């Protein structure tokens, strides 16, 4: 199950947006998320080396997905229903 988190604020770094999304996920579902799905541009920002003034990268794996638009993050965990069926 994923929580969709959209924040178009260009002044706010992607790392802060993800941290806010993680907080909301925990508040809503009472569990820690396992994964972040996002656009290629946001993933590049999240995974770039942190500068001294930046927040640390999220402690979750970050995966890029072509259908997710910029400034949108899907935060959560995949369960068996989310996995493709074995052929």
N, C-alpha and C. Protein backbone atom coordinates (compact mmCIF):
# COMPACT_ATOMS: atom_id res chain seq x y z
N UNK A 1 0.85 -1.17 0.00
CA UNK A 1 0.00 0.00 0.00
C UNK A 1 0.90 1.23 0.00
N UNK A 2 0.50 2.20 -0.80
CA UNK A 2 1.28 3.42 -0.92
C UNK A 2 0.44 4.64 -0.59
N UNK A 3 1.13 5.64 -0.08
CA UNK A 3 0.56 6.95 0.15
C UNK A 3 1.10 7.85 -0.96
N UNK A 4 0.21 8.47 -1.72
CA UNK A 4 0.65 9.43 -2.73
C UNK A 4 0.93 10.77 -2.08
N UNK A 5 2.12 11.32 -2.34
CA UNK A 5 2.50 12.59 -1.72
C UNK A 5 2.94 13.54 -2.81
N UNK A 6 2.20 14.63 -3.01
CA UNK A 6 2.49 15.61 -4.04
C UNK A 6 2.79 16.94 -3.38
N UNK A 7 3.91 17.53 -3.75
CA UNK A 7 4.29 18.83 -3.20
C UNK A 7 5.02 19.61 -4.29
N UNK A 8 4.35 20.56 -4.96
CA UNK A 8 4.96 21.28 -6.06
C UNK A 8 5.84 22.47 -5.65
N UNK A 9 6.07 22.66 -4.36
CA UNK A 9 6.88 23.78 -3.87
C UNK A 9 8.32 23.64 -4.39
N UNK A 10 8.71 24.50 -5.32
CA UNK A 10 10.05 24.42 -5.93
C UNK A 10 11.16 24.82 -4.97
N UNK A 11 10.83 25.54 -3.91
CA UNK A 11 11.84 25.98 -2.95
C UNK A 11 12.17 24.91 -1.92
N UNK A 12 11.30 23.92 -1.79
CA UNK A 12 11.49 22.87 -0.79
C UNK A 12 12.23 21.71 -1.44
N UNK A 13 13.33 21.24 -0.84
CA UNK A 13 14.07 20.12 -1.43
C UNK A 13 13.28 18.81 -1.37
N UNK A 14 13.57 17.94 -2.33
CA UNK A 14 12.88 16.64 -2.42
C UNK A 14 13.05 15.85 -1.12
N UNK A 15 14.19 15.93 -0.50
CA UNK A 15 14.43 15.18 0.74
C UNK A 15 13.46 15.60 1.84
N UNK A 16 13.19 16.89 1.93
CA UNK A 16 12.24 17.36 2.94
C UNK A 16 10.83 16.88 2.60
N UNK A 17 10.49 16.90 1.32
CA UNK A 17 9.16 16.43 0.90
C UNK A 17 8.96 14.96 1.27
N UNK A 18 9.99 14.15 1.03
CA UNK A 18 9.89 12.73 1.35
C UNK A 18 9.79 12.52 2.85
N UNK A 19 10.57 13.26 3.63
CA UNK A 19 10.48 13.13 5.09
C UNK A 19 9.07 13.47 5.59
N UNK A 20 8.47 14.51 5.02
CA UNK A 20 7.11 14.87 5.40
C UNK A 20 6.13 13.76 4.99
N UNK A 21 6.34 13.19 3.82
CA UNK A 21 5.49 12.10 3.36
C UNK A 21 5.62 10.86 4.24
N UNK A 22 6.84 10.57 4.68
CA UNK A 22 7.07 9.43 5.57
C UNK A 22 6.35 9.66 6.90
N UNK A 23 6.45 10.86 7.44
CA UNK A 23 5.75 11.18 8.70
C UNK A 23 4.25 10.96 8.55
N UNK A 24 3.69 11.41 7.43
CA UNK A 24 2.25 11.25 7.21
C UNK A 24 1.88 9.78 7.04
N UNK A 25 2.73 9.01 6.36
CA UNK A 25 2.48 7.58 6.18
C UNK A 25 2.40 6.89 7.54
N UNK A 26 3.36 7.16 8.40
CA UNK A 26 3.39 6.54 9.74
C UNK A 26 2.16 6.97 10.54
N UNK A 27 1.81 8.24 10.45
CA UNK A 27 0.64 8.74 11.16
C UNK A 27 -0.64 8.05 10.67
N UNK A 28 -0.75 7.87 9.37
CA UNK A 28 -1.97 7.31 8.79
C UNK A 28 -2.07 5.79 8.94
N UNK A 29 -0.96 5.08 8.71
CA UNK A 29 -1.00 3.62 8.67
C UNK A 29 -0.40 2.94 9.91
N UNK A 30 0.30 3.70 10.75
CA UNK A 30 0.86 3.12 11.97
C UNK A 30 2.01 2.16 11.73
N UNK A 31 2.68 2.28 10.59
CA UNK A 31 3.80 1.40 10.26
C UNK A 31 4.84 2.21 9.46
N UNK A 32 6.05 1.72 9.44
CA UNK A 32 7.11 2.38 8.68
C UNK A 32 7.04 1.96 7.22
N UNK A 33 7.21 2.90 6.28
CA UNK A 33 7.24 2.53 4.87
C UNK A 33 8.54 1.82 4.52
N UNK A 34 8.54 1.12 3.40
CA UNK A 34 9.71 0.35 2.97
C UNK A 34 10.33 0.84 1.67
N UNK A 35 9.65 1.76 0.98
CA UNK A 35 10.07 2.11 -0.37
C UNK A 35 9.51 3.46 -0.78
N UNK A 36 10.26 4.16 -1.64
CA UNK A 36 9.78 5.41 -2.25
C UNK A 36 9.83 5.23 -3.76
N UNK A 37 8.70 5.48 -4.42
CA UNK A 37 8.64 5.50 -5.88
C UNK A 37 8.50 6.94 -6.32
N UNK A 38 9.27 7.36 -7.32
CA UNK A 38 9.20 8.74 -7.76
C UNK A 38 9.71 8.88 -9.19
N UNK A 39 9.71 10.10 -9.69
CA UNK A 39 10.19 10.38 -11.04
C UNK A 39 11.72 10.31 -11.08
N UNK A 40 12.24 10.23 -12.28
CA UNK A 40 13.70 10.15 -12.45
C UNK A 40 14.39 11.40 -11.92
N UNK A 41 13.81 12.58 -12.17
CA UNK A 41 14.43 13.83 -11.71
C UNK A 41 14.46 13.92 -10.18
N UNK A 42 13.34 13.56 -9.55
CA UNK A 42 13.30 13.61 -8.09
C UNK A 42 14.21 12.54 -7.48
N UNK A 43 14.28 11.37 -8.09
CA UNK A 43 15.16 10.31 -7.59
C UNK A 43 16.61 10.75 -7.65
N UNK A 44 16.99 11.43 -8.72
CA UNK A 44 18.37 11.91 -8.84
C UNK A 44 18.70 12.88 -7.71
N UNK A 45 17.76 13.76 -7.38
CA UNK A 45 17.96 14.70 -6.27
C UNK A 45 18.04 13.97 -4.93
N UNK A 46 17.18 13.00 -4.74
CA UNK A 46 17.17 12.24 -3.48
C UNK A 46 18.46 11.45 -3.27
N UNK A 47 19.00 10.91 -4.34
CA UNK A 47 20.15 10.01 -4.23
C UNK A 47 21.50 10.71 -4.42
N UNK A 48 21.49 12.00 -4.73
CA UNK A 48 22.75 12.72 -4.89
C UNK A 48 23.43 12.87 -3.53
N UNK A 49 24.76 12.98 -3.53
CA UNK A 49 25.47 13.16 -2.25
C UNK A 49 24.97 14.41 -1.53
N UNK A 50 24.77 14.28 -0.24
CA UNK A 50 24.27 15.39 0.57
C UNK A 50 25.35 16.44 0.78
N UNK A 51 24.95 17.70 0.65
CA UNK A 51 25.85 18.80 0.98
C UNK A 51 25.69 19.07 2.48
N UNK A 52 26.57 19.87 3.01
CA UNK A 52 26.54 20.13 4.46
C UNK A 52 25.21 20.71 4.92
N UNK A 53 24.58 21.50 4.09
CA UNK A 53 23.33 22.15 4.49
C UNK A 53 22.09 21.33 4.16
N UNK A 54 22.25 20.20 3.49
CA UNK A 54 21.10 19.39 3.09
C UNK A 54 20.73 18.37 4.15
N UNK A 55 19.48 17.96 4.07
CA UNK A 55 19.03 16.84 4.89
C UNK A 55 19.66 15.57 4.34
N UNK A 56 19.79 14.53 5.16
CA UNK A 56 20.32 13.27 4.64
C UNK A 56 19.33 12.61 3.69
N UNK A 57 19.83 11.74 2.85
CA UNK A 57 18.97 10.99 1.93
C UNK A 57 18.03 10.10 2.75
N UNK A 58 16.85 9.80 2.22
CA UNK A 58 15.94 8.93 2.96
C UNK A 58 16.56 7.56 3.19
N UNK A 59 16.22 6.96 4.30
CA UNK A 59 16.77 5.64 4.66
C UNK A 59 15.99 4.53 3.97
N UNK A 60 15.24 4.85 2.95
CA UNK A 60 14.44 3.88 2.21
C UNK A 60 15.01 3.72 0.80
N UNK A 61 14.83 2.56 0.20
CA UNK A 61 15.19 2.44 -1.21
C UNK A 61 14.33 3.39 -2.05
N UNK A 62 14.94 3.97 -3.07
CA UNK A 62 14.24 4.88 -3.97
C UNK A 62 14.24 4.24 -5.35
N UNK A 63 13.04 4.13 -5.94
CA UNK A 63 12.91 3.52 -7.26
C UNK A 63 12.24 4.51 -8.20
N UNK A 64 12.78 4.64 -9.42
CA UNK A 64 12.16 5.51 -10.40
C UNK A 64 11.09 4.75 -11.17
N UNK A 65 10.02 5.45 -11.49
CA UNK A 65 8.91 4.88 -12.24
C UNK A 65 8.51 5.92 -13.29
N UNK A 66 8.43 5.50 -14.54
CA UNK A 66 8.18 6.43 -15.64
C UNK A 66 6.83 7.15 -15.54
N UNK A 67 5.82 6.54 -14.96
CA UNK A 67 4.49 7.15 -14.94
C UNK A 67 4.26 8.14 -13.80
N UNK A 68 5.23 8.30 -12.93
CA UNK A 68 5.06 9.23 -11.81
C UNK A 68 5.59 10.60 -12.22
N UNK A 69 4.76 11.66 -12.12
CA UNK A 69 5.21 12.99 -12.51
C UNK A 69 6.13 13.63 -11.47
N UNK A 70 6.78 14.68 -11.88
CA UNK A 70 7.69 15.43 -11.02
C UNK A 70 6.97 15.90 -9.76
N UNK A 71 7.68 15.93 -8.65
CA UNK A 71 7.22 16.40 -7.33
C UNK A 71 6.16 15.50 -6.72
N UNK A 72 6.10 14.26 -7.19
CA UNK A 72 5.15 13.28 -6.66
C UNK A 72 5.92 12.09 -6.14
N UNK A 73 5.54 11.62 -4.97
CA UNK A 73 6.23 10.50 -4.33
C UNK A 73 5.19 9.50 -3.85
N UNK A 74 5.41 8.24 -4.15
CA UNK A 74 4.59 7.17 -3.61
C UNK A 74 5.42 6.52 -2.51
N UNK A 75 4.95 6.64 -1.30
CA UNK A 75 5.69 6.17 -0.13
C UNK A 75 4.91 5.02 0.48
N UNK A 76 5.57 3.89 0.68
CA UNK A 76 4.85 2.76 1.26
C UNK A 76 5.59 1.46 1.14
N UNK A 77 4.83 0.41 0.93
CA UNK A 77 5.42 -0.92 0.82
C UNK A 77 4.62 -1.75 -0.17
N UNK A 78 5.32 -2.62 -0.84
CA UNK A 78 4.66 -3.51 -1.80
C UNK A 78 4.23 -4.77 -1.07
N UNK A 79 3.04 -5.23 -1.37
CA UNK A 79 2.63 -6.52 -0.82
C UNK A 79 2.45 -7.49 -1.99
N UNK A 80 2.03 -8.67 -1.72
CA UNK A 80 1.93 -9.71 -2.75
C UNK A 80 1.02 -9.28 -3.91
N UNK A 81 0.01 -8.49 -3.64
CA UNK A 81 -0.89 -8.06 -4.71
C UNK A 81 -0.21 -7.08 -5.65
N UNK A 82 0.84 -6.38 -5.20
CA UNK A 82 1.54 -5.41 -6.03
C UNK A 82 2.56 -6.08 -6.95
N UNK A 83 2.91 -7.33 -6.70
CA UNK A 83 3.93 -8.02 -7.48
C UNK A 83 3.32 -8.60 -8.75
N UNK A 84 4.08 -8.57 -9.86
CA UNK A 84 3.55 -9.19 -11.08
C UNK A 84 3.43 -10.69 -10.91
N UNK A 85 2.43 -11.28 -11.56
CA UNK A 85 2.23 -12.73 -11.46
C UNK A 85 3.36 -13.47 -12.17
N UNK A 86 3.77 -14.58 -11.61
CA UNK A 86 4.82 -15.39 -12.23
C UNK A 86 4.26 -16.07 -13.47
N UNK A 87 5.08 -16.12 -14.50
CA UNK A 87 4.61 -16.72 -15.77
C UNK A 87 4.80 -18.23 -15.77
